[in-house]
Amino acid sequence: MLNIYVGNLPFSAAEDELRQLFEQFGQVERVSLISDRETGRPRGFGFVEMAEREGGERAIEELDGKDFGGRQLTVNEARPRAPRGGGGGGGGPRRDRW
């Protein structure tokens, strides 16, 4: 299995279109386009999971820089997601300074 990052997508791109583009290189397990949490609008990138590494590597080689919907795609192997920091907090007055 190979997880592929696809960036610089036109905001009009659909998951089915991306699936068709990558299926020429092998079996596509999953396609997910990323949307903004607050607005629901597309963010211009997504991920494609290919069943076989070899097909995924060929897809990266062939599709990186290719025109798709008037935009030049950025296609590479997805990096593992960095752990997100939790919490937050802070903000209130510091009582130890009074």
C-alpha atoms as a PDB file:
ATOM      1  CA  MET A   1       0.000   0.000   0.000  1.00  0.00           C
ATOM      2  CA  LEU A   2       1.250   3.495  -0.825  1.00  0.00           C
ATOM      3  CA  ASN A   3      -0.299   6.752   0.366  1.00  0.00           C
ATOM      4  CA  ILE A   4       0.213   9.588  -2.141  1.00  0.00           C
ATOM      5  CA  TYR A   5      -0.108  13.325  -1.562  1.00  0.00           C
ATOM      6  CA  VAL A   6      -1.677  15.238  -4.473  1.00  0.00           C
ATOM      7  CA  GLY A   7      -1.380  19.011  -4.282  1.00  0.00           C
ATOM      8  CA  ASN A   8      -2.223  22.070  -6.365  1.00  0.00           C
ATOM      9  CA  LEU A   9      -5.585  20.587  -7.320  1.00  0.00           C
ATOM     10  CA  PRO A  10      -8.203  22.842  -8.866  1.00  0.00           C
ATOM     11  CA  PHE A  11     -10.909  23.596  -6.304  1.00  0.00           C
ATOM     12  CA  SER A  12     -13.440  22.035  -8.690  1.00  0.00           C
ATOM     13  CA  ALA A  13     -11.712  18.623  -8.594  1.00  0.00           C
ATOM     14  CA  ALA A  14     -13.872  15.645  -7.626  1.00  0.00           C
ATOM     15  CA  GLU A  15     -12.795  12.392  -5.980  1.00  0.00           C
ATOM     16  CA  ASP A  16     -14.058  10.386  -8.983  1.00  0.00           C
ATOM     17  CA  GLU A  17     -11.851  12.391 -11.366  1.00  0.00           C
ATOM     18  CA  LEU A  18      -8.795  11.805  -9.202  1.00  0.00           C
ATOM     19  CA  ARG A  19      -9.617   8.099  -8.909  1.00  0.00           C
ATOM     20  CA  GLN A  20      -9.818   7.781 -12.706  1.00  0.00           C
ATOM     21  CA  LEU A  21      -6.516   9.595 -13.127  1.00  0.00           C
ATOM     22  CA  PHE A  22      -4.695   7.226 -10.758  1.00  0.00           C
ATOM     23  CA  GLU A  23      -6.440   3.987 -11.800  1.00  0.00           C
ATOM     24  CA  GLN A  24      -4.366   3.892 -14.969  1.00  0.00           C
ATOM     25  CA  PHE A  25      -1.434   2.928 -12.702  1.00  0.00           C
ATOM     26  CA  GLY A  26      -3.158   0.301 -10.561  1.00  0.00           C
ATOM     27  CA  GLN A  27      -5.872  -0.339  -8.030  1.00  0.00           C
ATOM     28  CA  VAL A  28      -6.928   2.712  -6.026  1.00  0.00           C
ATOM     29  CA  GLU A  29      -8.035   1.847  -2.497  1.00  0.00           C
ATOM     30  CA  ARG A  30      -9.183   5.285  -1.371  1.00  0.00           C
ATOM     31  CA  VAL A  31      -9.295   8.923  -2.487  1.00  0.00           C
ATOM     32  CA  SER A  32      -9.860  11.766  -0.060  1.00  0.00           C
ATOM     33  CA  LEU A  33      -9.957  15.457  -0.899  1.00  0.00           C
ATOM     34  CA  ILE A  34      -9.326  17.751   2.047  1.00  0.00           C
ATOM     35  CA  SER A  35     -11.831  20.487   2.908  1.00  0.00           C
ATOM     36  CA  ASP A  36     -11.615  23.372   5.337  1.00  0.00           C
ATOM     37  CA  ARG A  37     -13.292  22.403   8.627  1.00  0.00           C
ATOM     38  CA  GLU A  38     -15.009  25.721   9.135  1.00  0.00           C
ATOM     39  CA  THR A  39     -16.146  26.605   5.621  1.00  0.00           C
ATOM     40  CA  GLY A  40     -16.336  23.161   3.983  1.00  0.00           C
ATOM     41  CA  ARG A  41     -14.555  24.576   0.936  1.00  0.00           C
ATOM     42  CA  PRO A  42     -11.851  22.507  -0.810  1.00  0.00           C
ATOM     43  CA  ARG A  43      -8.260  23.219   0.241  1.00  0.00           C
ATOM     44  CA  GLY A  44      -6.676  22.183  -3.071  1.00  0.00           C
ATOM     45  CA  PHE A  45      -5.029  18.949  -1.986  1.00  0.00           C
ATOM     46  CA  GLY A  46      -5.844  15.369  -1.169  1.00  0.00           C
ATOM     47  CA  PHE A  47      -4.544  11.839  -0.769  1.00  0.00           C
ATOM     48  CA  VAL A  48      -4.760   8.718  -2.912  1.00  0.00           C
ATOM     49  CA  GLU A  49      -4.055   5.273  -1.465  1.00  0.00           C
ATOM     50  CA  MET A  50      -2.805   2.798  -4.051  1.00  0.00           C
ATOM     51  CA  ALA A  51      -3.052  -0.939  -3.378  1.00  0.00           C
ATOM     52  CA  GLU A  52       0.441  -1.690  -4.685  1.00  0.00           C
ATOM     53  CA  ARG A  53       3.589   0.299  -4.085  1.00  0.00           C
ATOM     54  CA  GLU A  54       4.930  -0.255  -7.598  1.00  0.00           C
ATOM     55  CA  GLY A  55       1.834   1.253  -9.247  1.00  0.00           C
ATOM     56  CA  GLY A  56       1.897   4.141  -6.799  1.00  0.00           C
ATOM     57  CA  GLU A  57       5.526   4.916  -7.552  1.00  0.00           C
ATOM     58  CA  ARG A  58       4.764   4.894 -11.284  1.00  0.00           C
ATOM     59  CA  ALA A  59       1.826   7.243 -10.696  1.00  0.00           C
ATOM     60  CA  ILE A  60       4.063   9.660  -8.780  1.00  0.00           C
ATOM     61  CA  GLU A  61       6.662   9.589 -11.549  1.00  0.00           C
ATOM     62  CA  GLU A  62       4.121  10.100 -14.348  1.00  0.00           C
ATOM     63  CA  LEU A  63       1.735  12.582 -12.709  1.00  0.00           C
ATOM     64  CA  ASP A  64       4.028  14.955 -10.816  1.00  0.00           C
ATOM     65  CA  GLY A  65       3.994  18.209 -12.777  1.00  0.00           C
ATOM     66  CA  LYS A  66       1.200  17.055 -15.089  1.00  0.00           C
ATOM     67  CA  ASP A  67      -1.581  19.504 -16.006  1.00  0.00           C
ATOM     68  CA  PHE A  68      -4.903  18.680 -14.343  1.00  0.00           C
ATOM     69  CA  GLY A  69      -7.777  21.121 -14.723  1.00  0.00           C
ATOM     70  CA  GLY A  70      -5.404  23.914 -15.712  1.00  0.00           C
ATOM     71  CA  ARG A  71      -3.076  23.422 -12.726  1.00  0.00           C
ATOM     72  CA  GLN A  72       0.285  21.682 -12.477  1.00  0.00           C
ATOM     73  CA  LEU A  73      -0.036  18.824  -9.968  1.00  0.00           C
ATOM     74  CA  THR A  74       2.364  18.193  -7.112  1.00  0.00           C
ATOM     75  CA  VAL A  75       2.432  14.430  -6.540  1.00  0.00           C
ATOM     76  CA  ASN A  76       4.675  12.644  -4.045  1.00  0.00           C
ATOM     77  CA  GLU A  77       4.660   9.993  -1.351  1.00  0.00           C
ATOM     78  CA  ALA A  78       2.721  11.256   1.643  1.00  0.00           C
ATOM     79  CA  ARG A  79       4.723  11.734   4.814  1.00  0.00           C
ATOM     80  CA  PRO A  80       3.319  10.366   8.062  1.00  0.00           C
ATOM     81  CA  ARG A  81       1.184  12.901   9.859  1.00  0.00           C
ATOM     82  CA  ALA A  82       3.029  14.778  12.590  1.00  0.00           C
ATOM     83  CA  PRO A  83       1.577  14.351  16.065  1.00  0.00           C
ATOM     84  CA  ARG A  84      -0.626  17.269  16.941  1.00  0.00           C
ATOM     85  CA  GLY A  85      -0.048  19.079  20.191  1.00  0.00           C
ATOM     86  CA  GLY A  86      -2.961  19.076  22.538  1.00  0.00           C
ATOM     87  CA  GLY A  87      -4.174  21.602  24.925  1.00  0.00           C
ATOM     88  CA  GLY A  88      -3.803  25.248  24.406  1.00  0.00           C
ATOM     89  CA  GLY A  89      -4.760  27.150  27.485  1.00  0.00           C
ATOM     90  CA  GLY A  90      -3.023  30.231  28.752  1.00  0.00           C
ATOM     91  CA  GLY A  91      -4.432  33.653  28.194  1.00  0.00           C
ATOM     92  CA  GLY A  92      -5.616  34.700  31.628  1.00  0.00           C
ATOM     93  CA  PRO A  93      -3.871  37.115  34.008  1.00  0.00           C
ATOM     94  CA  ARG A  94      -0.916  35.752  35.951  1.00  0.00           C
ATOM     95  CA  ARG A  95      -1.848  35.887  39.588  1.00  0.00           C
ATOM     96  CA  ASP A  96       1.715  35.292  40.766  1.00  0.00           C
ATOM     97  CA  ARG A  97       2.684  38.851  39.729  1.00  0.00           C
ATOM     98  CA  TRP A  98       0.294  40.675  42.058  1.00  0.00           C
END
